[in-house]
Amino acid sequence: MRAVSAAGGSEPRAQGLADRYGRVATDLRVSLTDRCNLRCTYCMPAEGLPWAPDDTVLTDAEVVRLVRVGVERLGIREVRFTGGEPLLRRGLEGIVAATTALRTPDGARVRTALTTNALGLDKRARSLAEAGLDRVNVSLDSLDPQRFARIARRDRHADVLAGLAAAVEAGLTPVKVNAVLQRGVNDDEAVPLLAWALEHGYHLRFIEQMPLGPHGSWRREDLVTAREILDALAAAYDLVPEPDGARGGAPAETWTVRGHAGATVGVIGSVTRPFCGACDRTRLTADGQVRSCLFAREEDDLRGLLRGGADDATVADAWRAAQRGKAAGHGIDDPSFLQPARTMSAIGG
């Protein structure tokens, strides 16, 4: 963690979150908790992790203040709430409602999304939609309940399916489903998962497994690559690539599935097909640290500024300074690459 200066004025500034390479962050990922009610093998050890002490986690008001600074002063136009598992945050609906009430300097409404494992979503989808949430991304790595239980270390497959159905009923669409394939575990499910997603109208996204789990648990030779996934899908479906330039800063390369109206499938090849050059994201951890990259090894402390009495302009200046330090790429293929000290559950997706 790096301390940041408390110097600054009180007037808004026009500059957004630009880095040294010309990228501008407009997409904010906000982790609301590092806690999770699953123990997925690629994310955390079976016994879990030491959770952040409650007094270090941002309060609801602090979260909303930082989001407001991002939207009103720094050019943020889309906010995604993550965890850990964000449904474990009791004040989630209030945070969403406060975020959707914000407007950018040009009067635009903030787009909002939630990345979740969907446990309990069946009970909260309606209230989240009423709070203004636009859509959800749900993690589901297997269609087989027993296999799901081995991966997640919890027998909750039926609860995920119930959450997905509730999201559709509440209008949190398009519902996206994220799947991580692991060699020798569920790497035979690419085609079945897509068939199931097409049947239910979900937008499926495969994500290459990233080195963000328990230290020592990720091996490149075990990685199911984007190319392997696409080869499996193309053998069963006619995939039409997205037009040039349509992707923008989105992490997923997408294909239209011919013969299925409006259906798409995507692959997020973070390891073998990195998209760092177009990255438009900035991240806040649950304990108030700003991260310019998912794989960053340094963070900048905004919580300390908030609790030290800094005004919004000062917080915005510190955030800009942090974003300017964003690296050109994550460097996973570099021999000097070191996995971040925090795991994915502590960083936020």
Protein backbone atom coordinates (compact mmCIF):
# COMPACT_ATOMS: atom_id res chain seq x y z
CA MET A 1 0.00 0.00 0.00
CA ARG A 2 1.27 3.46 -0.87
CA ALA A 3 0.25 6.55 1.02
CA VAL A 4 -0.93 9.43 -1.12
CA SER A 5 -0.61 13.16 -0.71
CA ALA A 6 -3.38 15.16 0.89
CA ALA A 7 -2.57 18.27 -1.11
CA GLY A 8 -5.28 19.57 -3.42
CA GLY A 9 -7.94 22.19 -4.04
CA SER A 10 -11.68 22.20 -3.86
CA GLU A 11 -12.66 22.74 -7.51
CA PRO A 12 -13.52 19.93 -9.94
CA ARG A 13 -11.02 19.18 -12.69
CA ALA A 14 -11.75 18.03 -16.20
CA GLN A 15 -9.04 15.41 -16.55
CA GLY A 16 -10.11 11.78 -16.52
CA LEU A 17 -8.19 8.71 -15.42
CA ALA A 18 -5.53 8.67 -18.13
CA ASP A 19 -2.30 6.69 -17.97
CA ARG A 20 1.07 7.24 -19.67
CA TYR A 21 0.09 5.06 -22.63
CA GLY A 22 -2.99 6.99 -23.70
CA ARG A 23 -5.57 4.69 -22.13
CA VAL A 24 -8.43 6.30 -20.24
CA ALA A 25 -10.34 4.40 -17.54
CA THR A 26 -14.11 4.78 -17.74
CA ASP A 27 -15.05 1.40 -16.18
CA LEU A 28 -14.84 1.11 -12.39
CA ARG A 29 -14.78 -2.27 -10.63
CA VAL A 30 -15.73 -1.95 -6.95
CA SER A 31 -15.10 -4.82 -4.56
CA LEU A 32 -17.61 -4.68 -1.72
CA THR A 33 -16.16 -7.51 0.37
CA ASP A 34 -13.32 -10.00 0.28
CA ARG A 35 -15.58 -12.67 1.80
CA CYS A 36 -17.14 -15.47 -0.20
CA ASN A 37 -19.50 -18.36 0.55
CA LEU A 38 -17.81 -20.68 -1.97
CA ARG A 39 -14.25 -22.02 -1.93
CA CYS A 40 -13.51 -22.49 -5.63
CA THR A 41 -10.29 -24.39 -6.14
CA TYR A 42 -8.79 -21.81 -8.50
CA CYS A 43 -9.65 -18.89 -6.21
CA MET A 44 -8.88 -19.76 -2.61
CA PRO A 45 -7.76 -22.63 -0.36
CA ALA A 46 -10.30 -25.02 1.11
CA GLU A 47 -10.03 -23.44 4.55
CA GLY A 48 -10.64 -19.97 3.16
CA LEU A 49 -8.51 -16.89 3.78
CA PRO A 50 -8.09 -14.39 6.62
CA TRP A 51 -10.82 -11.83 5.97
CA ALA A 52 -10.17 -8.12 6.15
CA PRO A 53 -11.03 -6.68 9.59
CA ASP A 54 -14.40 -4.93 9.57
CA ASP A 55 -12.93 -1.56 10.50
CA THR A 56 -10.70 -1.59 7.41
CA VAL A 57 -13.56 -2.20 4.97
CA LEU A 58 -15.14 0.87 3.42
CA THR A 59 -18.52 1.83 4.85
CA ASP A 60 -21.49 2.13 2.50
CA ALA A 61 -21.16 5.92 2.60
CA GLU A 62 -17.45 5.73 1.78
CA VAL A 63 -18.10 3.42 -1.17
CA VAL A 64 -20.74 5.76 -2.53
CA ARG A 65 -18.49 8.79 -2.07
CA LEU A 66 -15.65 7.21 -4.03
CA VAL A 67 -18.02 6.12 -6.79
CA ARG A 68 -19.41 9.66 -6.94
CA VAL A 69 -15.92 11.14 -7.21
CA GLY A 70 -15.20 8.69 -10.01
CA VAL A 71 -18.38 9.54 -11.91
CA GLU A 72 -18.56 13.29 -11.37
CA ARG A 73 -14.86 14.16 -11.54
CA LEU A 74 -12.97 11.37 -13.27
CA GLY A 75 -15.04 10.21 -16.24
CA ILE A 76 -16.35 6.90 -14.91
CA ARG A 77 -19.38 5.80 -16.91
CA GLU A 78 -19.82 2.17 -15.87
CA VAL A 79 -19.63 0.63 -12.39
CA ARG A 80 -19.45 -3.10 -11.70
CA PHE A 81 -19.81 -4.36 -8.14
CA THR A 82 -17.74 -7.43 -7.27
CA GLY A 83 -16.34 -9.28 -4.28
CA GLY A 84 -15.45 -11.75 -2.89
CA GLU A 85 -19.18 -12.24 -3.17
CA PRO A 86 -21.02 -8.90 -3.30
CA LEU A 87 -24.36 -10.41 -2.27
CA LEU A 88 -22.82 -10.82 1.19
CA ARG A 89 -22.85 -7.02 1.51
CA ARG A 90 -26.00 -6.11 3.46
CA GLY A 91 -26.12 -2.57 2.09
CA LEU A 92 -25.81 -3.63 -1.54
CA GLU A 93 -29.19 -2.33 -2.69
CA GLY A 94 -28.55 1.07 -1.10
CA ILE A 95 -25.15 1.33 -2.75
CA VAL A 96 -26.63 0.40 -6.12
CA ALA A 97 -29.47 2.92 -5.73
CA ALA A 98 -27.05 5.72 -4.82
CA THR A 99 -24.87 4.84 -7.81
CA THR A 100 -27.71 4.74 -10.31
CA ALA A 101 -28.86 8.17 -9.08
CA LEU A 102 -25.54 9.69 -10.16
CA ARG A 103 -25.10 11.47 -13.47
CA THR A 104 -21.94 12.10 -15.44
CA PRO A 105 -21.01 15.74 -16.24
CA ASP A 106 -22.83 15.40 -19.57
CA GLY A 107 -25.96 14.12 -17.82
CA ALA A 108 -25.65 10.43 -18.70
CA ARG A 109 -26.87 7.70 -16.38
CA VAL A 110 -24.23 5.38 -14.92
CA ARG A 111 -24.43 1.79 -16.20
CA THR A 112 -24.28 -0.76 -13.38
CA ALA A 113 -23.57 -4.47 -13.20
CA LEU A 114 -22.94 -7.13 -10.57
CA THR A 115 -20.54 -10.07 -10.75
CA THR A 116 -21.82 -12.80 -8.44
CA ASN A 117 -21.91 -16.51 -7.73
CA ALA A 118 -25.72 -16.07 -7.50
CA LEU A 119 -26.12 -17.70 -4.08
CA GLY A 120 -29.11 -15.84 -2.68
CA LEU A 121 -29.77 -13.95 -5.89
CA ASP A 122 -33.19 -15.60 -6.13
CA LYS A 123 -34.18 -13.62 -3.03
CA ARG A 124 -32.62 -10.29 -4.03
CA ALA A 125 -32.84 -10.01 -7.81
CA ARG A 126 -36.09 -8.06 -7.64
CA SER A 127 -34.85 -5.58 -5.03
CA LEU A 128 -31.61 -5.06 -6.97
CA ALA A 129 -33.56 -4.36 -10.15
CA GLU A 130 -35.75 -1.89 -8.24
CA ALA A 131 -32.56 -0.20 -6.97
CA GLY A 132 -31.58 0.36 -10.59
CA LEU A 133 -29.10 -2.43 -11.27
CA ASP A 134 -28.86 -3.05 -15.01
CA ARG A 135 -27.56 -6.61 -15.27
CA VAL A 136 -25.59 -9.45 -13.69
CA ASN A 137 -22.69 -11.73 -14.53
CA VAL A 138 -22.98 -15.11 -12.85
CA SER A 139 -20.14 -17.61 -12.38
CA LEU A 140 -20.95 -21.22 -13.27
CA ASP A 141 -18.18 -23.64 -14.19
CA SER A 142 -20.11 -26.87 -14.66
CA LEU A 143 -23.55 -28.18 -15.54
CA ASP A 144 -22.98 -31.26 -13.40
CA PRO A 145 -23.95 -30.69 -9.73
CA GLN A 146 -21.36 -33.12 -8.38
CA ARG A 147 -18.58 -31.63 -10.48
CA PHE A 148 -19.70 -28.15 -9.44
CA ALA A 149 -19.46 -29.21 -5.80
CA ARG A 150 -15.89 -30.47 -6.31
CA ILE A 151 -14.83 -27.20 -7.93
CA ALA A 152 -16.66 -24.87 -5.53
CA ARG A 153 -16.25 -27.12 -2.48
CA ARG A 154 -19.90 -26.44 -1.74
CA ASP A 155 -23.03 -28.28 -2.92
CA ARG A 156 -24.90 -25.20 -4.19
CA HIS A 157 -25.48 -25.87 -7.90
CA ALA A 158 -29.27 -25.65 -7.60
CA ASP A 159 -28.97 -22.28 -5.86
CA VAL A 160 -26.95 -20.86 -8.76
CA LEU A 161 -29.59 -22.01 -11.25
CA ALA A 162 -32.33 -20.45 -9.10
CA GLY A 163 -30.41 -17.19 -9.00
CA LEU A 164 -30.01 -17.17 -12.77
CA ALA A 165 -33.72 -17.72 -13.31
CA ALA A 166 -34.57 -14.95 -10.85
CA ALA A 167 -32.23 -12.53 -12.63
CA VAL A 168 -34.05 -13.12 -15.91
CA GLU A 169 -37.45 -12.73 -14.27
CA ALA A 170 -36.33 -9.45 -12.66
CA GLY A 171 -35.10 -8.08 -16.00
CA LEU A 172 -31.39 -8.01 -15.12
CA THR A 173 -30.53 -8.80 -18.71
CA PRO A 174 -28.66 -9.72 -20.71
CA VAL A 175 -27.59 -12.26 -18.11
CA LYS A 176 -23.97 -13.23 -18.71
CA VAL A 177 -22.53 -16.50 -17.43
CA ASN A 178 -18.80 -16.76 -16.73
CA ALA A 179 -17.09 -20.15 -16.88
CA VAL A 180 -13.49 -21.08 -16.09
CA LEU A 181 -12.32 -24.34 -17.65
CA GLN A 182 -9.59 -26.35 -15.92
CA ARG A 183 -7.64 -29.11 -17.59
CA GLY A 184 -8.73 -32.53 -16.44
CA VAL A 185 -11.56 -31.04 -14.37
CA ASN A 186 -14.22 -29.54 -16.64
CA ASP A 187 -12.42 -28.95 -19.95
CA ASP A 188 -14.95 -31.19 -21.70
CA GLU A 189 -17.84 -28.79 -20.98
CA ALA A 190 -17.25 -25.99 -23.49
CA VAL A 191 -19.83 -27.24 -25.97
CA PRO A 192 -22.40 -28.43 -23.39
CA LEU A 193 -22.19 -25.08 -21.58
CA LEU A 194 -22.81 -23.18 -24.80
CA ALA A 195 -25.74 -25.43 -25.75
CA TRP A 196 -27.28 -24.82 -22.32
CA ALA A 197 -26.68 -21.06 -22.53
CA LEU A 198 -28.30 -20.90 -25.97
CA GLU A 199 -31.31 -22.81 -24.67
CA HIS A 200 -31.83 -20.38 -21.79
CA GLY A 201 -30.85 -17.15 -23.53
CA TYR A 202 -27.73 -16.52 -21.43
CA HIS A 203 -24.62 -14.88 -22.90
CA LEU A 204 -21.74 -17.24 -22.15
CA ARG A 205 -18.19 -16.02 -21.51
CA PHE A 206 -15.27 -18.38 -21.01
CA ILE A 207 -12.41 -16.97 -18.95
CA GLU A 208 -8.86 -18.32 -19.07
CA GLN A 209 -7.72 -19.26 -15.59
CA MET A 210 -5.47 -16.50 -14.26
CA PRO A 211 -2.65 -16.65 -11.70
CA LEU A 212 -4.73 -15.04 -8.97
CA GLY A 213 -5.59 -18.01 -6.78
CA PRO A 214 -3.67 -19.55 -3.88
CA HIS A 215 0.05 -19.12 -4.47
CA GLY A 216 1.55 -22.09 -6.28
CA SER A 217 -1.82 -23.36 -7.52
CA TRP A 218 -1.53 -21.99 -11.10
CA ARG A 219 0.55 -23.77 -13.73
CA ARG A 220 0.65 -22.62 -17.31
CA GLU A 221 0.72 -26.19 -18.61
CA ASP A 222 -2.68 -26.74 -16.97
CA LEU A 223 -4.20 -23.70 -18.67
CA VAL A 224 -7.09 -24.36 -21.05
CA THR A 225 -6.35 -21.69 -23.62
CA ALA A 226 -8.70 -19.47 -25.57
CA ARG A 227 -7.58 -21.23 -28.75
CA GLU A 228 -8.53 -24.64 -27.35
CA ILE A 229 -11.93 -23.37 -26.25
CA LEU A 230 -12.64 -21.78 -29.62
CA ASP A 231 -11.57 -24.89 -31.50
CA ALA A 232 -14.00 -26.98 -29.45
CA LEU A 233 -16.85 -24.53 -30.00
CA ALA A 234 -16.17 -24.11 -33.72
CA ALA A 235 -16.37 -27.86 -34.19
CA ALA A 236 -19.99 -27.77 -33.03
CA TYR A 237 -21.23 -24.29 -33.98
CA ASP A 238 -20.83 -21.78 -36.80
CA LEU A 239 -19.21 -18.78 -35.09
CA VAL A 240 -19.04 -15.37 -36.75
CA PRO A 241 -16.43 -12.99 -35.26
CA GLU A 242 -17.44 -9.55 -34.09
CA PRO A 243 -16.76 -6.71 -36.56
CA ASP A 244 -13.40 -4.99 -36.36
CA GLY A 245 -13.48 -2.26 -33.74
CA ALA A 246 -16.68 -3.50 -32.08
CA ARG A 247 -14.89 -4.81 -29.01
CA GLY A 248 -13.55 -1.48 -27.77
CA GLY A 249 -12.22 -1.90 -24.23
CA ALA A 250 -14.33 -4.98 -23.48
CA PRO A 251 -12.30 -7.90 -22.10
CA ALA A 252 -14.13 -10.55 -24.14
CA GLU A 253 -13.66 -11.34 -27.80
CA THR A 254 -17.14 -12.28 -28.98
CA TRP A 255 -18.69 -14.31 -31.74
CA THR A 256 -22.25 -14.47 -33.00
CA VAL A 257 -23.61 -18.02 -33.03
CA ARG A 258 -25.14 -18.42 -36.48
CA GLY A 259 -28.64 -19.84 -36.46
CA HIS A 260 -29.39 -18.55 -32.95
CA ALA A 261 -30.92 -15.08 -33.11
CA GLY A 262 -29.06 -12.58 -30.95
CA ALA A 263 -26.84 -15.25 -29.39
CA THR A 264 -23.18 -14.58 -28.71
CA VAL A 265 -20.33 -16.40 -27.01
CA GLY A 266 -17.18 -14.78 -25.73
CA VAL A 267 -13.71 -15.73 -24.61
CA ILE A 268 -11.62 -13.65 -22.22
CA GLY A 269 -8.08 -14.72 -23.01
CA SER A 270 -6.37 -12.73 -20.29
CA VAL A 271 -3.26 -14.93 -20.40
CA THR A 272 -2.75 -15.97 -24.02
CA ARG A 273 -4.63 -13.14 -25.80
CA PRO A 274 -4.12 -10.15 -23.50
CA PHE A 275 -6.07 -6.97 -24.17
CA CYS A 276 -3.97 -4.66 -22.01
CA GLY A 277 -3.54 -2.11 -24.81
CA ALA A 278 -7.27 -1.33 -24.77
CA CYS A 279 -7.90 -1.71 -21.03
CA ASP A 280 -10.29 0.94 -19.69
CA ARG A 281 -10.63 -0.27 -16.09
CA THR A 282 -9.72 0.98 -12.66
CA ARG A 283 -10.40 -0.92 -9.44
CA LEU A 284 -11.24 -0.25 -5.82
CA THR A 285 -10.69 -2.94 -3.21
CA ALA A 286 -13.09 -3.43 -0.34
CA ASP A 287 -10.60 -1.77 2.01
CA GLY A 288 -10.30 1.36 -0.10
CA GLN A 289 -7.19 0.79 -2.18
CA VAL A 290 -7.15 1.83 -5.83
CA ARG A 291 -5.53 -0.60 -8.28
CA SER A 292 -4.81 0.36 -11.87
CA CYS A 293 -4.46 -3.29 -12.97
CA LEU A 294 -5.79 -6.62 -11.78
CA PHE A 295 -2.18 -7.86 -11.59
CA ALA A 296 -0.69 -4.75 -9.99
CA ARG A 297 1.63 -5.33 -7.05
CA GLU A 298 1.18 -1.82 -5.69
CA GLU A 299 -1.94 -0.06 -4.46
CA ASP A 300 -2.74 3.52 -3.49
CA ASP A 301 -4.66 4.26 -0.33
CA LEU A 302 -7.85 6.27 -0.77
CA ARG A 303 -9.43 5.09 2.47
CA GLY A 304 -6.80 6.97 4.46
CA LEU A 305 -7.62 10.16 2.59
CA LEU A 306 -11.35 9.78 3.22
CA ARG A 307 -10.89 9.14 6.91
CA GLY A 308 -8.27 11.88 7.16
CA GLY A 309 -10.72 14.54 6.05
CA ALA A 310 -9.54 15.07 2.47
CA ASP A 311 -11.94 16.83 0.12
CA ASP A 312 -13.18 15.34 -3.14
CA ALA A 313 -10.65 17.21 -5.28
CA THR A 314 -7.79 15.78 -3.26
CA VAL A 315 -9.17 12.25 -3.54
CA ALA A 316 -9.61 12.71 -7.30
CA ASP A 317 -6.03 13.96 -7.68
CA ALA A 318 -4.71 10.93 -5.80
CA TRP A 319 -6.77 8.61 -7.99
CA ARG A 320 -5.45 10.28 -11.15
CA ALA A 321 -1.89 9.89 -9.91
CA ALA A 322 -2.45 6.20 -9.20
CA GLN A 323 -3.88 5.60 -12.66
CA ARG A 324 -0.96 7.36 -14.35
CA GLY A 325 1.28 4.67 -12.90
CA LYS A 326 -0.56 1.86 -14.70
CA ALA A 327 1.87 -0.54 -16.41
CA ALA A 328 1.78 -1.15 -20.15
CA GLY A 329 0.68 -4.76 -19.58
CA HIS A 330 0.29 -7.42 -16.93
CA GLY A 331 3.52 -9.17 -17.92
CA ILE A 332 2.39 -12.74 -17.22
CA ASP A 333 4.72 -13.99 -19.97
CA ASP A 334 7.68 -12.02 -18.61
CA PRO A 335 10.20 -14.16 -16.67
CA SER A 336 10.12 -11.53 -13.92
CA PHE A 337 6.34 -11.78 -13.42
CA LEU A 338 5.28 -12.13 -9.81
CA GLN A 339 1.75 -12.99 -8.77
CA PRO A 340 0.08 -10.23 -6.72
CA ALA A 341 0.10 -10.77 -2.98
CA ARG A 342 -3.70 -10.59 -2.91
CA THR A 343 -5.84 -13.30 -4.45
CA MET A 344 -8.78 -12.59 -6.74
CA SER A 345 -11.27 -12.69 -3.86
CA ALA A 346 -9.41 -9.87 -2.11
CA ILE A 347 -8.83 -7.79 -5.25
CA GLY A 348 -12.25 -7.97 -6.86
CA GLY A 349 -12.84 -9.17 -10.43
